[in-house]
Amino acid sequence: MEKIKIIEKTDENYPKSLLELEDAPKKLYVIGNEKILNNRAIAIVGSRNCSEYGERYATKFARELSKAGICVISGLAVGIDTAAHKGAKSYKGKTIAVLGGGLNNIYPPENIGLVNDIIKNGGCVISEHEPDKKPILSEFPKRNRIISGISEGVLVVEALHRSGSSVTAKYAYEQGRKVFCIPSNLGVKTGVGTNILIQKGALLVMKPNDILEQLNIFINDGKDEEDDEDEEINIEDEYKDIYKLLKNKPLNINAIAKSLNKSIVEINQKLGMMEICGYVKCIPGNDYIIV
């Protein structure tokens, strides 16, 4: 692993946004590319015991934000954090992992390989603690102020009612950062925290462009044939049959269900998920089209 560097508050690479905080770390320990600490960034956080739904959209949002040049920040935990880091680097995007312990004690240990990948890909891993400090889980929430502090906003993908992700959102509000949430099923425990945050005023987002627009970054939605082909390859298998139908012409739920010999209830559920993903949208007349 690379040599650990120390960045003081007076260093040009010290995150400028952290200097706004009263409790900003006096110094940061860094492995990797410290120059990205002042890049435009969004934090993506969520439950360690995440659902497949949460993991999928953490990966998707991280990937698309990275493609737009946004650095993705998270805490290296298993679950949503890991999905966010992996999603960012899948498109050679830059990602920053903020640790709750020293850099010589990577936690969780199963993510040591991910740390190496982050560094090789031009990202970095940082901590405010001395390199040999062992991770103490009860102290981890404190590092969340750094995760939100470096970012322009925090995306909470999944969260329990009282959780580390909710703490990160609280820090973000206090620091004047934007808080975004992906809506969740009311019957899922890991969705309670995100739904409560939305109820309290967090910005509900259904696609990565919702965040980019808040950052005044506008991506051209026009796709050439090669882009369309790539999009079809990347879409989840369970939605491909509907996607292929809608590539030909707009259709309503009844027509889709009849063509695929599926129930209206099943098609309705899938279309709802596809809208959240940003694959399709409903237009006047209740027809669906490809976005």
C-alpha atoms as a PDB file:
ATOM      1  CA  MET A   1       0.000   0.000   0.000  1.00  0.00           C
ATOM      2  CA  GLU A   2       1.137   3.563  -0.651  1.00  0.00           C
ATOM      3  CA  LYS A   3       2.781   5.751   1.936  1.00  0.00           C
ATOM      4  CA  ILE A   4       0.493   7.624   4.321  1.00  0.00           C
ATOM      5  CA  LYS A   5       0.529  11.398   3.813  1.00  0.00           C
ATOM      6  CA  ILE A   6      -0.444  14.037   6.365  1.00  0.00           C
ATOM      7  CA  ILE A   7      -2.446  17.065   5.239  1.00  0.00           C
ATOM      8  CA  GLU A   8      -2.622  20.025   7.609  1.00  0.00           C
ATOM      9  CA  LYS A   9      -5.297  22.721   7.511  1.00  0.00           C
ATOM     10  CA  THR A  10      -2.815  25.044   5.815  1.00  0.00           C
ATOM     11  CA  ASP A  11      -2.097  22.553   3.012  1.00  0.00           C
ATOM     12  CA  GLU A  12      -3.511  23.482  -0.413  1.00  0.00           C
ATOM     13  CA  ASN A  13      -5.074  20.017  -0.719  1.00  0.00           C
ATOM     14  CA  TYR A  14      -6.940  20.202   2.586  1.00  0.00           C
ATOM     15  CA  PRO A  15     -10.669  20.159   1.689  1.00  0.00           C
ATOM     16  CA  LYS A  16     -11.787  23.791   1.535  1.00  0.00           C
ATOM     17  CA  SER A  17     -15.349  22.833   2.489  1.00  0.00           C
ATOM     18  CA  LEU A  18     -14.107  21.290   5.748  1.00  0.00           C
ATOM     19  CA  LEU A  19     -12.569  24.603   6.765  1.00  0.00           C
ATOM     20  CA  GLU A  20     -16.129  25.915   7.124  1.00  0.00           C
ATOM     21  CA  LEU A  21     -16.761  23.525  10.033  1.00  0.00           C
ATOM     22  CA  GLU A  22     -16.103  24.538  13.634  1.00  0.00           C
ATOM     23  CA  ASP A  23     -15.004  20.984  14.452  1.00  0.00           C
ATOM     24  CA  ALA A  24     -12.915  20.419  11.334  1.00  0.00           C
ATOM     25  CA  PRO A  25     -10.047  17.928  11.809  1.00  0.00           C
ATOM     26  CA  LYS A  26      -6.717  19.643  12.450  1.00  0.00           C
ATOM     27  CA  LYS A  27      -5.122  17.262   9.997  1.00  0.00           C
ATOM     28  CA  LEU A  28      -6.033  14.379   7.728  1.00  0.00           C
ATOM     29  CA  TYR A  29      -4.124  11.189   7.037  1.00  0.00           C
ATOM     30  CA  VAL A  30      -4.379  10.191   3.377  1.00  0.00           C
ATOM     31  CA  ILE A  31      -3.490   7.242   1.180  1.00  0.00           C
ATOM     32  CA  GLY A  32      -3.911   7.828  -2.533  1.00  0.00           C
ATOM     33  CA  ASN A  33      -4.704  10.893  -4.626  1.00  0.00           C
ATOM     34  CA  GLU A  34      -5.174  13.769  -2.169  1.00  0.00           C
ATOM     35  CA  LYS A  35      -5.755  16.228  -5.043  1.00  0.00           C
ATOM     36  CA  ILE A  36      -9.365  15.015  -5.440  1.00  0.00           C
ATOM     37  CA  LEU A  37     -10.288  16.180  -1.924  1.00  0.00           C
ATOM     38  CA  ASN A  38     -11.438  19.473  -3.424  1.00  0.00           C
ATOM     39  CA  ASN A  39     -13.346  17.972  -6.349  1.00  0.00           C
ATOM     40  CA  ARG A  40     -17.103  18.401  -6.591  1.00  0.00           C
ATOM     41  CA  ALA A  41     -18.521  15.550  -4.554  1.00  0.00           C
ATOM     42  CA  ILE A  42     -21.666  13.807  -3.356  1.00  0.00           C
ATOM     43  CA  ALA A  43     -21.761  11.416  -0.399  1.00  0.00           C
ATOM     44  CA  ILE A  44     -23.727   8.187  -0.754  1.00  0.00           C
ATOM     45  CA  VAL A  45     -24.563   6.417   2.499  1.00  0.00           C
ATOM     46  CA  GLY A  46     -26.973   3.792   3.754  1.00  0.00           C
ATOM     47  CA  SER A  47     -27.596   0.606   5.664  1.00  0.00           C
ATOM     48  CA  ARG A  48     -24.982  -2.073   6.206  1.00  0.00           C
ATOM     49  CA  ASN A  49     -27.733  -4.690   6.018  1.00  0.00           C
ATOM     50  CA  CYS A  50     -29.085  -3.320   2.782  1.00  0.00           C
ATOM     51  CA  SER A  51     -31.587  -4.907   0.449  1.00  0.00           C
ATOM     52  CA  GLU A  52     -30.922  -5.872  -3.162  1.00  0.00           C
ATOM     53  CA  TYR A  53     -32.960  -2.798  -4.103  1.00  0.00           C
ATOM     54  CA  GLY A  54     -30.695  -0.515  -2.082  1.00  0.00           C
ATOM     55  CA  GLU A  55     -27.497  -2.041  -3.387  1.00  0.00           C
ATOM     56  CA  ARG A  56     -28.712  -1.768  -6.970  1.00  0.00           C
ATOM     57  CA  TYR A  57     -29.556   1.923  -6.771  1.00  0.00           C
ATOM     58  CA  ALA A  58     -26.511   2.885  -4.729  1.00  0.00           C
ATOM     59  CA  THR A  59     -24.420   1.354  -7.502  1.00  0.00           C
ATOM     60  CA  LYS A  60     -26.463   2.991 -10.260  1.00  0.00           C
ATOM     61  CA  PHE A  61     -26.435   6.478  -8.747  1.00  0.00           C
ATOM     62  CA  ALA A  62     -22.709   6.274  -7.956  1.00  0.00           C
ATOM     63  CA  ARG A  63     -21.919   5.149 -11.480  1.00  0.00           C
ATOM     64  CA  GLU A  64     -23.966   7.891 -13.151  1.00  0.00           C
ATOM     65  CA  LEU A  65     -22.696  10.646 -10.853  1.00  0.00           C
ATOM     66  CA  SER A  66     -19.135   9.524 -11.593  1.00  0.00           C
ATOM     67  CA  LYS A  67     -19.786   9.642 -15.328  1.00  0.00           C
ATOM     68  CA  ALA A  68     -20.815  13.279 -14.820  1.00  0.00           C
ATOM     69  CA  GLY A  69     -17.489  14.040 -13.110  1.00  0.00           C
ATOM     70  CA  ILE A  70     -18.760  13.974  -9.525  1.00  0.00           C
ATOM     71  CA  CYS A  71     -16.560  12.364  -6.872  1.00  0.00           C
ATOM     72  CA  VAL A  72     -18.425   9.836  -4.696  1.00  0.00           C
ATOM     73  CA  ILE A  73     -17.723   9.802  -0.957  1.00  0.00           C
ATOM     74  CA  SER A  74     -18.684   7.114   1.521  1.00  0.00           C
ATOM     75  CA  GLY A  75     -17.502   5.303   4.642  1.00  0.00           C
ATOM     76  CA  LEU A  76     -16.209   1.928   3.325  1.00  0.00           C
ATOM     77  CA  ALA A  77     -18.747  -0.022   5.398  1.00  0.00           C
ATOM     78  CA  VAL A  78     -20.336  -3.151   3.978  1.00  0.00           C
ATOM     79  CA  GLY A  79     -23.679  -2.692   2.254  1.00  0.00           C
ATOM     80  CA  ILE A  80     -24.554   0.643   0.667  1.00  0.00           C
ATOM     81  CA  ASP A  81     -21.115   2.209   1.248  1.00  0.00           C
ATOM     82  CA  THR A  82     -19.380  -0.645  -0.563  1.00  0.00           C
ATOM     83  CA  ALA A  83     -21.879  -0.495  -3.437  1.00  0.00           C
ATOM     84  CA  ALA A  84     -21.283   3.262  -3.781  1.00  0.00           C
ATOM     85  CA  HIS A  85     -17.493   2.908  -3.929  1.00  0.00           C
ATOM     86  CA  LYS A  86     -17.725   0.059  -6.429  1.00  0.00           C
ATOM     87  CA  GLY A  87     -20.283   1.868  -8.565  1.00  0.00           C
ATOM     88  CA  ALA A  88     -18.050   4.929  -8.785  1.00  0.00           C
ATOM     89  CA  LYS A  89     -14.921   3.083  -9.809  1.00  0.00           C
ATOM     90  CA  SER A  90     -16.808   0.895 -12.327  1.00  0.00           C
ATOM     91  CA  TYR A  91     -16.715   3.867 -14.714  1.00  0.00           C
ATOM     92  CA  LYS A  92     -13.242   4.962 -13.633  1.00  0.00           C
ATOM     93  CA  GLY A  93     -14.851   7.606 -11.443  1.00  0.00           C
ATOM     94  CA  LYS A  94     -13.046   8.912  -8.386  1.00  0.00           C
ATOM     95  CA  THR A  95     -14.187   7.895  -4.932  1.00  0.00           C
ATOM     96  CA  ILE A  96     -13.105   8.799  -1.394  1.00  0.00           C
ATOM     97  CA  ALA A  97     -13.455   6.486   1.595  1.00  0.00           C
ATOM     98  CA  VAL A  98     -13.548   8.085   5.043  1.00  0.00           C
ATOM     99  CA  LEU A  99     -12.497   5.714   7.826  1.00  0.00           C
ATOM    100  CA  GLY A 100     -13.514   5.686  11.469  1.00  0.00           C
ATOM    101  CA  GLY A 101     -10.144   4.281  12.557  1.00  0.00           C
ATOM    102  CA  GLY A 102      -6.508   4.614  11.526  1.00  0.00           C
ATOM    103  CA  LEU A 103      -5.306   3.828   8.018  1.00  0.00           C
ATOM    104  CA  ASN A 104      -3.172   0.944   9.275  1.00  0.00           C
ATOM    105  CA  ASN A 105      -6.336  -0.738  10.564  1.00  0.00           C
ATOM    106  CA  ILE A 106      -8.687  -0.896   7.597  1.00  0.00           C
ATOM    107  CA  TYR A 107     -12.229  -1.686   8.712  1.00  0.00           C
ATOM    108  CA  PRO A 108     -13.970  -3.827   7.750  1.00  0.00           C
ATOM    109  CA  PRO A 109     -10.995  -6.051   6.854  1.00  0.00           C
ATOM    110  CA  GLU A 110     -12.906  -7.680   3.987  1.00  0.00           C
ATOM    111  CA  ASN A 111     -12.726  -4.336   2.175  1.00  0.00           C
ATOM    112  CA  ILE A 112      -8.929  -4.157   2.081  1.00  0.00           C
ATOM    113  CA  GLY A 113      -9.101  -5.247  -1.555  1.00  0.00           C
ATOM    114  CA  LEU A 114     -11.600  -2.469  -2.268  1.00  0.00           C
ATOM    115  CA  VAL A 115      -9.234   0.055  -0.669  1.00  0.00           C
ATOM    116  CA  ASN A 116      -6.473  -1.062  -3.029  1.00  0.00           C
ATOM    117  CA  ASP A 117      -8.834  -0.741  -6.003  1.00  0.00           C
ATOM    118  CA  ILE A 118      -9.917   2.756  -4.941  1.00  0.00           C
ATOM    119  CA  ILE A 119      -6.283   3.888  -4.747  1.00  0.00           C
ATOM    120  CA  LYS A 120      -5.305   2.264  -8.058  1.00  0.00           C
ATOM    121  CA  ASN A 121      -8.223   4.030  -9.710  1.00  0.00           C
ATOM    122  CA  GLY A 122      -7.059   7.489  -8.604  1.00  0.00           C
ATOM    123  CA  GLY A 123      -9.215   7.756  -5.489  1.00  0.00           C
ATOM    124  CA  CYS A 124      -8.117   8.045  -1.874  1.00  0.00           C
ATOM    125  CA  VAL A 125      -8.785   6.812   1.644  1.00  0.00           C
ATOM    126  CA  ILE A 126      -8.670   9.293   4.532  1.00  0.00           C
ATOM    127  CA  SER A 127      -8.946   9.461   8.310  1.00  0.00           C
ATOM    128  CA  GLU A 128      -8.565  12.071  11.023  1.00  0.00           C
ATOM    129  CA  HIS A 129      -7.069   9.442  13.358  1.00  0.00           C
ATOM    130  CA  GLU A 130      -3.476   8.405  13.916  1.00  0.00           C
ATOM    131  CA  PRO A 131      -2.616   5.555  11.522  1.00  0.00           C
ATOM    132  CA  ASP A 132      -2.359   2.881  14.225  1.00  0.00           C
ATOM    133  CA  LYS A 133      -5.628   3.748  15.993  1.00  0.00           C
ATOM    134  CA  LYS A 134      -7.895   0.726  16.103  1.00  0.00           C
ATOM    135  CA  PRO A 135     -11.502   1.171  14.952  1.00  0.00           C
ATOM    136  CA  ILE A 136     -14.012   1.720  17.748  1.00  0.00           C
ATOM    137  CA  LEU A 137     -17.533   1.361  16.373  1.00  0.00           C
ATOM    138  CA  SER A 138     -19.066   3.723  18.926  1.00  0.00           C
ATOM    139  CA  GLU A 139     -16.834   6.509  17.574  1.00  0.00           C
ATOM    140  CA  PHE A 140     -17.755   5.947  13.912  1.00  0.00           C
ATOM    141  CA  PRO A 141     -20.687   8.428  13.819  1.00  0.00           C
ATOM    142  CA  LYS A 142     -18.217  11.265  14.441  1.00  0.00           C
ATOM    143  CA  ARG A 143     -16.461  10.599  11.133  1.00  0.00           C
ATOM    144  CA  ASN A 144     -19.775  11.178   9.350  1.00  0.00           C
ATOM    145  CA  ARG A 145     -19.343  14.941   9.755  1.00  0.00           C
ATOM    146  CA  ILE A 146     -16.305  14.585   7.450  1.00  0.00           C
ATOM    147  CA  ILE A 147     -18.259  12.540   4.900  1.00  0.00           C
ATOM    148  CA  SER A 148     -20.964  15.218   4.683  1.00  0.00           C
ATOM    149  CA  GLY A 149     -18.528  18.094   5.157  1.00  0.00           C
ATOM    150  CA  ILE A 150     -16.496  17.307   2.040  1.00  0.00           C
ATOM    151  CA  SER A 151     -19.654  16.862  -0.024  1.00  0.00           C
ATOM    152  CA  GLU A 152     -22.080  19.260  -1.666  1.00  0.00           C
ATOM    153  CA  GLY A 153     -24.879  16.936  -0.651  1.00  0.00           C
ATOM    154  CA  VAL A 154     -25.658  13.558   0.880  1.00  0.00           C
ATOM    155  CA  LEU A 155     -27.703  10.827  -0.788  1.00  0.00           C
ATOM    156  CA  VAL A 156     -29.252   8.428   1.722  1.00  0.00           C
ATOM    157  CA  VAL A 157     -30.205   5.231  -0.084  1.00  0.00           C
ATOM    158  CA  GLU A 158     -31.499   3.105   2.795  1.00  0.00           C
ATOM    159  CA  ALA A 159     -31.512   3.746   6.529  1.00  0.00           C
ATOM    160  CA  LEU A 160     -33.073   2.473   9.709  1.00  0.00           C
ATOM    161  CA  HIS A 161     -35.004   4.983  11.822  1.00  0.00           C
ATOM    162  CA  ARG A 162     -31.973   5.654  14.041  1.00  0.00           C
ATOM    163  CA  SER A 163     -28.771   4.888  12.177  1.00  0.00           C
ATOM    164  CA  GLY A 164     -25.394   6.187  11.129  1.00  0.00           C
ATOM    165  CA  SER A 165     -26.887   7.328   7.831  1.00  0.00           C
ATOM    166  CA  SER A 166     -29.460   9.430   9.677  1.00  0.00           C
ATOM    167  CA  VAL A 167     -26.580  10.941  11.667  1.00  0.00           C
ATOM    168  CA  THR A 168     -24.825  11.821   8.403  1.00  0.00           C
ATOM    169  CA  ALA A 169     -28.012  13.496   7.161  1.00  0.00           C
ATOM    170  CA  LYS A 170     -28.222  15.460  10.427  1.00  0.00           C
ATOM    171  CA  TYR A 171     -24.648  16.684   9.995  1.00  0.00           C
ATOM    172  CA  ALA A 172     -25.440  17.613   6.385  1.00  0.00           C
ATOM    173  CA  TYR A 173     -28.388  19.763   7.454  1.00  0.00           C
ATOM    174  CA  GLU A 174     -26.286  21.479  10.128  1.00  0.00           C
ATOM    175  CA  GLN A 175     -23.545  22.155   7.576  1.00  0.00           C
ATOM    176  CA  GLY A 176     -25.960  23.590   5.025  1.00  0.00           C
ATOM    177  CA  ARG A 177     -25.594  20.673   2.607  1.00  0.00           C
ATOM    178  CA  LYS A 178     -28.425  19.209   0.550  1.00  0.00           C
ATOM    179  CA  VAL A 179     -29.948  15.894   1.629  1.00  0.00           C
ATOM    180  CA  PHE A 180     -31.327  13.545  -1.021  1.00  0.00           C
ATOM    181  CA  CYS A 181     -33.235  10.308  -0.465  1.00  0.00           C
ATOM    182  CA  ILE A 182     -34.357   7.426  -2.651  1.00  0.00           C
ATOM    183  CA  PRO A 183     -37.904   6.460  -1.619  1.00  0.00           C
ATOM    184  CA  SER A 184     -38.371   3.018  -0.129  1.00  0.00           C
ATOM    185  CA  ASN A 185     -41.094   0.432   0.361  1.00  0.00           C
ATOM    186  CA  LEU A 186     -43.099   1.178   3.501  1.00  0.00           C
ATOM    187  CA  GLY A 187     -42.776  -2.425   4.628  1.00  0.00           C
ATOM    188  CA  VAL A 188     -38.973  -2.504   4.614  1.00  0.00           C
ATOM    189  CA  LYS A 189     -37.165  -1.688   7.885  1.00  0.00           C
ATOM    190  CA  THR A 190     -34.151  -0.231   6.102  1.00  0.00           C
ATOM    191  CA  GLY A 191     -36.471   2.188   4.317  1.00  0.00           C
ATOM    192  CA  VAL A 192     -38.008   3.749   7.404  1.00  0.00           C
ATOM    193  CA  GLY A 193     -35.163   6.220   7.911  1.00  0.00           C
ATOM    194  CA  THR A 194     -35.154   7.459   4.318  1.00  0.00           C
ATOM    195  CA  ASN A 195     -38.921   7.880   4.219  1.00  0.00           C
ATOM    196  CA  ILE A 196     -38.847   9.858   7.472  1.00  0.00           C
ATOM    197  CA  LEU A 197     -36.099  12.103   6.060  1.00  0.00           C
ATOM    198  CA  ILE A 198     -38.259  12.752   2.987  1.00  0.00           C
ATOM    199  CA  GLN A 199     -41.185  13.547   5.256  1.00  0.00           C
ATOM    200  CA  LYS A 200     -38.989  16.064   7.080  1.00  0.00           C
ATOM    201  CA  GLY A 201     -37.928  17.814   3.892  1.00  0.00           C
ATOM    202  CA  ALA A 202     -35.150  15.790   2.237  1.00  0.00           C
ATOM    203  CA  LEU A 203     -35.260  15.950  -1.557  1.00  0.00           C
ATOM    204  CA  LEU A 204     -36.823  12.838  -3.063  1.00  0.00           C
ATOM    205  CA  VAL A 205     -34.808  11.642  -6.064  1.00  0.00           C
ATOM    206  CA  MET A 206     -35.744   8.984  -8.595  1.00  0.00           C
ATOM    207  CA  LYS A 207     -32.815   9.250 -10.972  1.00  0.00           C
ATOM    208  CA  PRO A 208     -29.226  10.547 -10.855  1.00  0.00           C
ATOM    209  CA  ASN A 209     -30.144  13.579 -12.986  1.00  0.00           C
ATOM    210  CA  ASP A 210     -32.358  14.787 -10.139  1.00  0.00           C
ATOM    211  CA  ILE A 211     -29.176  15.292  -8.105  1.00  0.00           C
ATOM    212  CA  LEU A 212     -27.136  16.678 -10.996  1.00  0.00           C
ATOM    213  CA  GLU A 213     -29.778  19.312 -11.689  1.00  0.00           C
ATOM    214  CA  GLN A 214     -29.608  20.433  -8.065  1.00  0.00           C
ATOM    215  CA  LEU A 215     -25.873  20.927  -8.639  1.00  0.00           C
ATOM    216  CA  ASN A 216     -26.605  22.900 -11.837  1.00  0.00           C
ATOM    217  CA  ILE A 217     -25.098  20.139 -13.966  1.00  0.00           C
ATOM    218  CA  PHE A 218     -27.247  19.386 -17.009  1.00  0.00           C
ATOM    219  CA  ILE A 219     -26.527  16.293 -19.053  1.00  0.00           C
ATOM    220  CA  ASN A 220     -27.732  16.052 -22.648  1.00  0.00           C
ATOM    221  CA  ASP A 221     -30.476  13.393 -22.635  1.00  0.00           C
ATOM    222  CA  GLY A 222     -30.117  12.757 -26.362  1.00  0.00           C
ATOM    223  CA  LYS A 223     -28.627   9.322 -27.068  1.00  0.00           C
ATOM    224  CA  ASP A 224     -27.135   8.032 -30.272  1.00  0.00           C
ATOM    225  CA  GLU A 225     -27.633   4.445 -31.399  1.00  0.00           C
ATOM    226  CA  GLU A 226     -24.553   3.233 -29.566  1.00  0.00           C
ATOM    227  CA  ASP A 227     -25.827   4.776 -26.309  1.00  0.00           C
ATOM    228  CA  ASP A 228     -29.220   3.108 -26.761  1.00  0.00           C
ATOM    229  CA  GLU A 229     -27.567  -0.241 -27.307  1.00  0.00           C
ATOM    230  CA  ASP A 230     -25.447   0.147 -24.182  1.00  0.00           C
ATOM    231  CA  GLU A 231     -28.490   1.147 -22.137  1.00  0.00           C
ATOM    232  CA  GLU A 232     -30.323  -2.016 -23.209  1.00  0.00           C
ATOM    233  CA  ILE A 233     -27.356  -4.156 -22.266  1.00  0.00           C
ATOM    234  CA  ASN A 234     -27.137  -2.571 -18.815  1.00  0.00           C
ATOM    235  CA  ILE A 235     -30.826  -2.742 -17.958  1.00  0.00           C
ATOM    236  CA  GLU A 236     -31.818  -5.444 -15.457  1.00  0.00           C
ATOM    237  CA  ASP A 237     -33.007  -8.692 -17.068  1.00  0.00           C
ATOM    238  CA  GLU A 238     -36.420  -8.544 -15.378  1.00  0.00           C
ATOM    239  CA  TYR A 239     -37.234  -5.308 -17.244  1.00  0.00           C
ATOM    240  CA  LYS A 240     -35.787  -6.079 -20.677  1.00  0.00           C
ATOM    241  CA  ASP A 241     -38.977  -7.516 -22.163  1.00  0.00           C
ATOM    242  CA  ILE A 242     -40.934  -4.353 -21.320  1.00  0.00           C
ATOM    243  CA  TYR A 243     -38.054  -2.122 -22.427  1.00  0.00           C
ATOM    244  CA  LYS A 244     -37.874  -3.792 -25.854  1.00  0.00           C
ATOM    245  CA  LEU A 245     -41.614  -3.360 -26.385  1.00  0.00           C
ATOM    246  CA  LEU A 246     -41.469   0.337 -25.551  1.00  0.00           C
ATOM    247  CA  LYS A 247     -38.537   0.946 -27.909  1.00  0.00           C
ATOM    248  CA  ASN A 248     -40.957   0.465 -30.789  1.00  0.00           C
ATOM    249  CA  LYS A 249     -43.825   2.719 -29.661  1.00  0.00           C
ATOM    250  CA  PRO A 250     -45.593   4.090 -26.557  1.00  0.00           C
ATOM    251  CA  LEU A 251     -47.878   1.540 -24.868  1.00  0.00           C
ATOM    252  CA  ASN A 252     -50.225   1.482 -21.904  1.00  0.00           C
ATOM    253  CA  ILE A 253     -50.213  -1.092 -19.115  1.00  0.00           C
ATOM    254  CA  ASN A 254     -53.015  -3.161 -20.660  1.00  0.00           C
ATOM    255  CA  ALA A 255     -51.235  -3.439 -24.011  1.00  0.00           C
ATOM    256  CA  ILE A 256     -47.925  -4.386 -22.366  1.00  0.00           C
ATOM    257  CA  ALA A 257     -49.584  -7.023 -20.183  1.00  0.00           C
ATOM    258  CA  LYS A 258     -51.392  -8.515 -23.189  1.00  0.00           C
ATOM    259  CA  SER A 259     -48.242  -8.593 -25.349  1.00  0.00           C
ATOM    260  CA  LEU A 260     -46.181 -10.306 -22.647  1.00  0.00           C
ATOM    261  CA  ASN A 261     -49.006 -12.479 -21.333  1.00  0.00           C
ATOM    262  CA  LYS A 262     -48.458 -11.107 -17.823  1.00  0.00           C
ATOM    263  CA  SER A 263     -50.852  -9.805 -15.192  1.00  0.00           C
ATOM    264  CA  ILE A 264     -51.583  -6.082 -15.030  1.00  0.00           C
ATOM    265  CA  VAL A 265     -50.483  -6.076 -11.383  1.00  0.00           C
ATOM    266  CA  GLU A 266     -47.036  -7.473 -12.259  1.00  0.00           C
ATOM    267  CA  ILE A 267     -46.556  -5.062 -15.169  1.00  0.00           C
ATOM    268  CA  ASN A 268     -47.647  -2.129 -13.019  1.00  0.00           C
ATOM    269  CA  GLN A 269     -45.069  -3.017 -10.350  1.00  0.00           C
ATOM    270  CA  LYS A 270     -42.287  -3.352 -12.907  1.00  0.00           C
ATOM    271  CA  LEU A 271     -43.174  -0.080 -14.616  1.00  0.00           C
ATOM    272  CA  GLY A 272     -43.094   1.644 -11.239  1.00  0.00           C
ATOM    273  CA  MET A 273     -39.569   0.387 -10.612  1.00  0.00           C
ATOM    274  CA  MET A 274     -38.508   1.281 -14.138  1.00  0.00           C
ATOM    275  CA  GLU A 275     -39.727   4.858 -13.568  1.00  0.00           C
ATOM    276  CA  ILE A 276     -37.634   5.074 -10.398  1.00  0.00           C
ATOM    277  CA  CYS A 277     -34.621   3.818 -12.353  1.00  0.00           C
ATOM    278  CA  GLY A 278     -35.195   6.438 -15.019  1.00  0.00           C
ATOM    279  CA  TYR A 279     -35.787   3.885 -17.799  1.00  0.00           C
ATOM    280  CA  VAL A 280     -39.357   4.909 -18.666  1.00  0.00           C
ATOM    281  CA  LYS A 281     -41.917   7.614 -17.939  1.00  0.00           C
ATOM    282  CA  CYS A 282     -45.675   7.940 -18.187  1.00  0.00           C
ATOM    283  CA  ILE A 283     -47.009  10.504 -20.652  1.00  0.00           C
ATOM    284  CA  PRO A 284     -50.511  12.011 -21.056  1.00  0.00           C
ATOM    285  CA  GLY A 285     -52.946   9.264 -22.023  1.00  0.00           C
ATOM    286  CA  ASN A 286     -51.273   6.835 -19.574  1.00  0.00           C
ATOM    287  CA  ASP A 287     -48.886   5.488 -22.193  1.00  0.00           C
ATOM    288  CA  TYR A 288     -45.278   4.692 -21.247  1.00  0.00           C
ATOM    289  CA  ILE A 289     -42.229   5.657 -23.267  1.00  0.00           C
ATOM    290  CA  ILE A 290     -38.472   5.093 -23.042  1.00  0.00           C
ATOM    291  CA  VAL A 291     -36.661   7.983 -21.344  1.00  0.00           C
END
